[in-house]
Structures are given as structure tokens and as C-alpha cells.
Amino acid sequence: MRAEDHGVIGPRSFDPRRRLRARIDDHLASRDVARVIYGAIVGLALILALGRHPPSAGATAGLVAGTAIAVGLAELYSEVISRETSTRRPVTRADVWALLDEAAAVVLGAGFPTIFFIVAAVGLIELETAFTLAKWSGLGLICGYAFFAARLAGSSVGRAILHMAVLGAIAGALIALKPVLH
């Protein structure tokens, strides 16, 4: 007799891969995708700007984190004002909590590179390596979303790769253009 037959939770009820897949599917079906991508583009632009005359690793971590929070708060503010003007009524506390959740996706996208600069600040990697990782992980995130968007829209793997390459070329061009201009 199986454990499930006795009402005991068995291995099938807690399959971490299945739970992770469900969370990814939920995320990809949400509006958070646009906000994470928006944040990632803001973060990438900031990293490219800071890379010209880079401050210390700790200062860069603070600037990236602070910018991510500021952009998230700007997202929250603009959504509150937009909602009030379009509905002609004040937002409720529940509305604000939902909008905070959405703004958190922007903060996550823009603030993700902070991790690399914290690691550099404690001396585990060089500052230049942190900038390289921040740039290319931002590009990877943008390309990954483009690939999954195409696949979820029914494209073949080949067309999804093409879709990813075309959309990722924009972010890649920003990264490639920077050294040419210096």
C-alpha cells in the first residue's frame, strides 16, 4: 500500500521541479514580465553609464539598488495616478498593495546587478568582472524572456531563437557600442 493511500503526503505531492515549473508558468503569464524587462533595461543602461568612470564596488551596489528602488517607486506613483485619473476614484489600500507587488518586479529587474557588486565589494571578484557579469546577465535575461515569449506564442525553437536574437540585438548593441565610443 502506498503512503498516499493512507493520507500521508508522499513524494509526488511535493515535487520541487513541478512547483518551480508552475511558478515559472505563473510568472510568464503575468504582467510582471514587462516590468522585470523594463527594470532590466533601466539597470543595464545604468551599468553602462557607471562603467565609464566606475565608482567603488560598494558605491556601485548602492547606486544600482537606489536606482532600482527609485524606478520602482516611480512605477508605483505613475500607476496610482493613472488609476485615479482613469477610474475617477481614489485607489484603495488593496489597490496599492497590488500595485506595490507590480512595482517590486521593476525593482527586481533593475536591482538584480546589485548582487555582483556586493560580491565584488567583499573581494570575491574584481570590479571589472562585476561590471561584465552585470552587463551580460542583463542581456541574458532580456534574451531569455524573448525566447520564452516566442515559444509560449507557439513558435518553433528555431523561430524562438531568431526572435530572441533580433530582440536581444538591441541590448547587445548597447553593450557593443560602449567600447566603440570610448
Protein backbone atom coordinates (compact mmCIF):
# COMPACT_ATOMS: atom_id res chain seq x y z
CA MET A 1 0.00 0.00 0.00
CA ARG A 2 1.29 3.49 -0.90
CA ALA A 3 1.72 6.36 1.55
CA GLU A 4 -0.79 8.42 -0.46
CA ASP A 5 -3.44 5.76 0.22
CA HIS A 6 -3.15 6.45 3.96
CA GLY A 7 -3.47 10.21 3.60
CA VAL A 8 0.26 10.65 4.17
CA ILE A 9 1.96 13.12 1.91
CA GLY A 10 4.13 11.21 -0.50
CA PRO A 11 6.90 12.19 -2.89
CA ARG A 12 4.51 13.12 -5.73
CA SER A 13 2.74 15.80 -3.69
CA PHE A 14 6.00 17.71 -3.16
CA ASP A 15 7.84 17.63 -6.43
CA PRO A 16 10.08 20.73 -6.35
CA ARG A 17 10.53 20.65 -10.13
CA ARG A 18 6.77 20.67 -10.66
CA ARG A 19 6.33 23.53 -8.19
CA LEU A 20 9.14 25.51 -9.82
CA ARG A 21 7.65 24.93 -13.27
CA ALA A 22 4.24 26.11 -12.00
CA ARG A 23 5.78 29.28 -10.53
CA ILE A 24 7.63 29.99 -13.78
CA ASP A 25 4.45 29.42 -15.78
CA ASP A 26 2.53 31.77 -13.46
CA HIS A 27 5.25 34.40 -13.78
CA LEU A 28 5.40 34.16 -17.58
CA ALA A 29 1.61 34.57 -17.74
CA SER A 30 1.71 37.72 -15.59
CA ARG A 31 2.21 41.40 -16.33
CA ASP A 32 5.34 41.18 -14.19
CA VAL A 33 7.28 40.06 -17.27
CA ALA A 34 7.01 43.54 -18.80
CA ARG A 35 8.04 45.14 -15.53
CA VAL A 36 11.06 42.88 -15.00
CA ILE A 37 12.22 43.53 -18.57
CA TYR A 38 11.69 47.28 -18.13
CA GLY A 39 13.69 47.19 -14.92
CA ALA A 40 16.44 45.10 -16.54
CA ILE A 41 16.78 47.65 -19.35
CA VAL A 42 16.99 50.51 -16.83
CA GLY A 43 19.57 48.52 -14.85
CA LEU A 44 21.57 47.76 -17.99
CA ALA A 45 21.58 51.43 -19.01
CA LEU A 46 22.80 52.41 -15.54
CA ILE A 47 25.55 49.78 -15.57
CA LEU A 48 26.74 51.03 -18.96
CA ALA A 49 26.76 54.64 -17.71
CA LEU A 50 28.59 53.80 -14.48
CA GLY A 51 31.13 51.66 -16.32
CA ARG A 52 32.65 54.71 -17.96
CA HIS A 53 34.10 56.01 -14.69
CA PRO A 54 33.22 53.26 -12.23
CA PRO A 55 32.88 54.12 -8.56
CA SER A 56 33.88 51.55 -5.95
CA ALA A 57 32.05 48.23 -5.85
CA GLY A 58 30.15 49.24 -2.72
CA ALA A 59 29.16 52.60 -4.18
CA THR A 60 28.04 50.91 -7.40
CA ALA A 61 25.94 48.42 -5.42
CA GLY A 62 24.32 51.34 -3.59
CA LEU A 63 23.69 53.29 -6.79
CA VAL A 64 22.15 50.31 -8.57
CA ALA A 65 19.98 49.38 -5.57
CA GLY A 66 18.94 53.00 -5.02
CA THR A 67 18.10 53.47 -8.68
CA ALA A 68 16.06 50.25 -8.70
CA ILE A 69 14.05 51.44 -5.70
CA ALA A 70 13.57 54.90 -7.24
CA VAL A 71 12.36 53.42 -10.54
CA GLY A 72 10.04 51.05 -8.65
CA LEU A 73 8.59 53.97 -6.67
CA ALA A 74 8.17 55.94 -9.91
CA GLU A 75 6.29 52.94 -11.33
CA LEU A 76 4.07 52.83 -8.24
CA TYR A 77 3.40 56.58 -8.34
CA SER A 78 2.59 56.60 -12.05
CA GLU A 79 0.24 53.62 -11.70
CA VAL A 80 -1.60 55.18 -8.73
CA ILE A 81 -2.07 58.47 -10.60
CA SER A 82 -3.04 56.65 -13.80
CA ARG A 83 -5.60 54.54 -11.98
CA GLU A 84 -7.13 57.52 -10.20
CA THR A 85 -7.39 59.57 -13.40
CA SER A 86 -8.84 56.73 -15.46
CA THR A 87 -11.34 55.49 -12.85
CA ARG A 88 -12.14 58.91 -11.34
CA ARG A 89 -11.89 57.47 -7.83
CA PRO A 90 -9.15 57.16 -5.23
CA VAL A 91 -7.18 53.95 -5.09
CA THR A 92 -7.92 51.63 -2.20
CA ARG A 93 -5.43 50.07 0.16
CA ALA A 94 -5.90 46.79 -1.73
CA ASP A 95 -5.12 48.61 -4.99
CA VAL A 96 -1.91 49.99 -3.51
CA TRP A 97 -0.81 46.54 -2.32
CA ALA A 98 -1.41 45.11 -5.80
CA LEU A 99 0.49 47.99 -7.37
CA LEU A 100 3.35 47.53 -4.87
CA ASP A 101 3.60 43.93 -5.98
CA GLU A 102 3.88 45.07 -9.59
CA ALA A 103 6.46 47.74 -8.72
CA ALA A 104 8.52 45.06 -6.95
CA ALA A 105 9.02 43.36 -10.32
CA VAL A 106 10.58 46.57 -11.67
CA VAL A 107 12.83 46.80 -8.60
CA LEU A 108 13.90 43.18 -9.08
CA GLY A 109 14.70 43.68 -12.76
CA ALA A 110 16.64 46.91 -12.24
CA GLY A 111 18.28 45.86 -8.99
CA PHE A 112 19.46 42.37 -9.90
CA PRO A 113 23.00 43.54 -10.84
CA THR A 114 23.47 44.74 -7.25
CA ILE A 115 24.41 41.16 -6.37
CA PHE A 116 27.56 41.27 -8.50
CA PHE A 117 28.76 44.50 -6.91
CA ILE A 118 28.16 43.22 -3.40
CA VAL A 119 30.24 40.16 -4.27
CA ALA A 120 32.96 42.50 -5.62
CA ALA A 121 32.74 44.71 -2.52
CA VAL A 122 33.57 41.75 -0.28
CA GLY A 123 36.52 40.92 -2.52
CA LEU A 124 35.34 37.68 -4.12
CA ILE A 125 35.54 39.09 -7.67
CA GLU A 126 37.11 42.14 -9.30
CA LEU A 127 35.04 45.25 -10.01
CA GLU A 128 35.59 44.82 -13.77
CA THR A 129 34.25 41.26 -13.53
CA ALA A 130 31.18 42.55 -11.67
CA PHE A 131 30.50 45.02 -14.49
CA THR A 132 30.97 42.29 -17.09
CA LEU A 133 28.60 39.93 -15.26
CA ALA A 134 26.05 42.71 -14.74
CA LYS A 135 26.05 43.64 -18.44
CA TRP A 136 25.85 40.14 -19.84
CA SER A 137 23.37 38.81 -17.29
CA GLY A 138 21.08 41.72 -18.20
CA LEU A 139 21.39 40.77 -21.85
CA GLY A 140 20.78 37.11 -20.94
CA LEU A 141 17.63 38.00 -19.03
CA ILE A 142 16.28 40.08 -21.91
CA CYS A 143 17.09 37.34 -24.44
CA GLY A 144 15.66 34.60 -22.23
CA TYR A 145 12.33 36.38 -21.94
CA ALA A 146 12.24 36.93 -25.72
CA PHE A 147 12.86 33.22 -26.32
CA PHE A 148 10.16 32.08 -23.88
CA ALA A 149 7.70 34.65 -25.22
CA ALA A 150 8.11 33.25 -28.72
CA ARG A 151 7.81 29.65 -27.54
CA LEU A 152 4.68 30.42 -25.50
CA ALA A 153 3.24 32.17 -28.58
CA GLY A 154 3.63 28.90 -30.50
CA SER A 155 6.89 29.48 -32.37
CA SER A 156 9.23 26.62 -33.14
CA VAL A 157 12.56 26.52 -31.30
CA GLY A 158 14.30 27.89 -34.41
CA ARG A 159 11.92 30.83 -34.74
CA ALA A 160 12.13 31.47 -31.00
CA ILE A 161 15.93 31.65 -31.26
CA LEU A 162 15.59 34.08 -34.17
CA HIS A 163 13.08 36.14 -32.16
CA MET A 164 15.48 36.15 -29.21
CA ALA A 165 18.40 37.17 -31.43
CA VAL A 166 16.53 40.08 -33.02
CA LEU A 167 15.16 41.47 -29.76
CA GLY A 168 18.38 40.76 -27.87
CA ALA A 169 20.34 42.61 -30.54
CA ILE A 170 19.02 45.90 -29.17
CA ALA A 171 20.53 45.29 -25.73
CA GLY A 172 23.59 43.70 -27.32
CA ALA A 173 24.09 46.78 -29.48
CA LEU A 174 24.12 48.97 -26.36
CA ILE A 175 26.78 46.78 -24.80
CA ALA A 176 28.85 46.54 -28.01
CA LEU A 177 28.55 50.27 -28.75
CA LYS A 178 30.00 51.37 -25.43
CA PRO A 179 33.60 50.24 -26.10
CA VAL A 180 33.48 51.71 -29.62
CA LEU A 181 32.59 55.14 -28.21
CA HIS A 182 35.46 55.16 -25.72
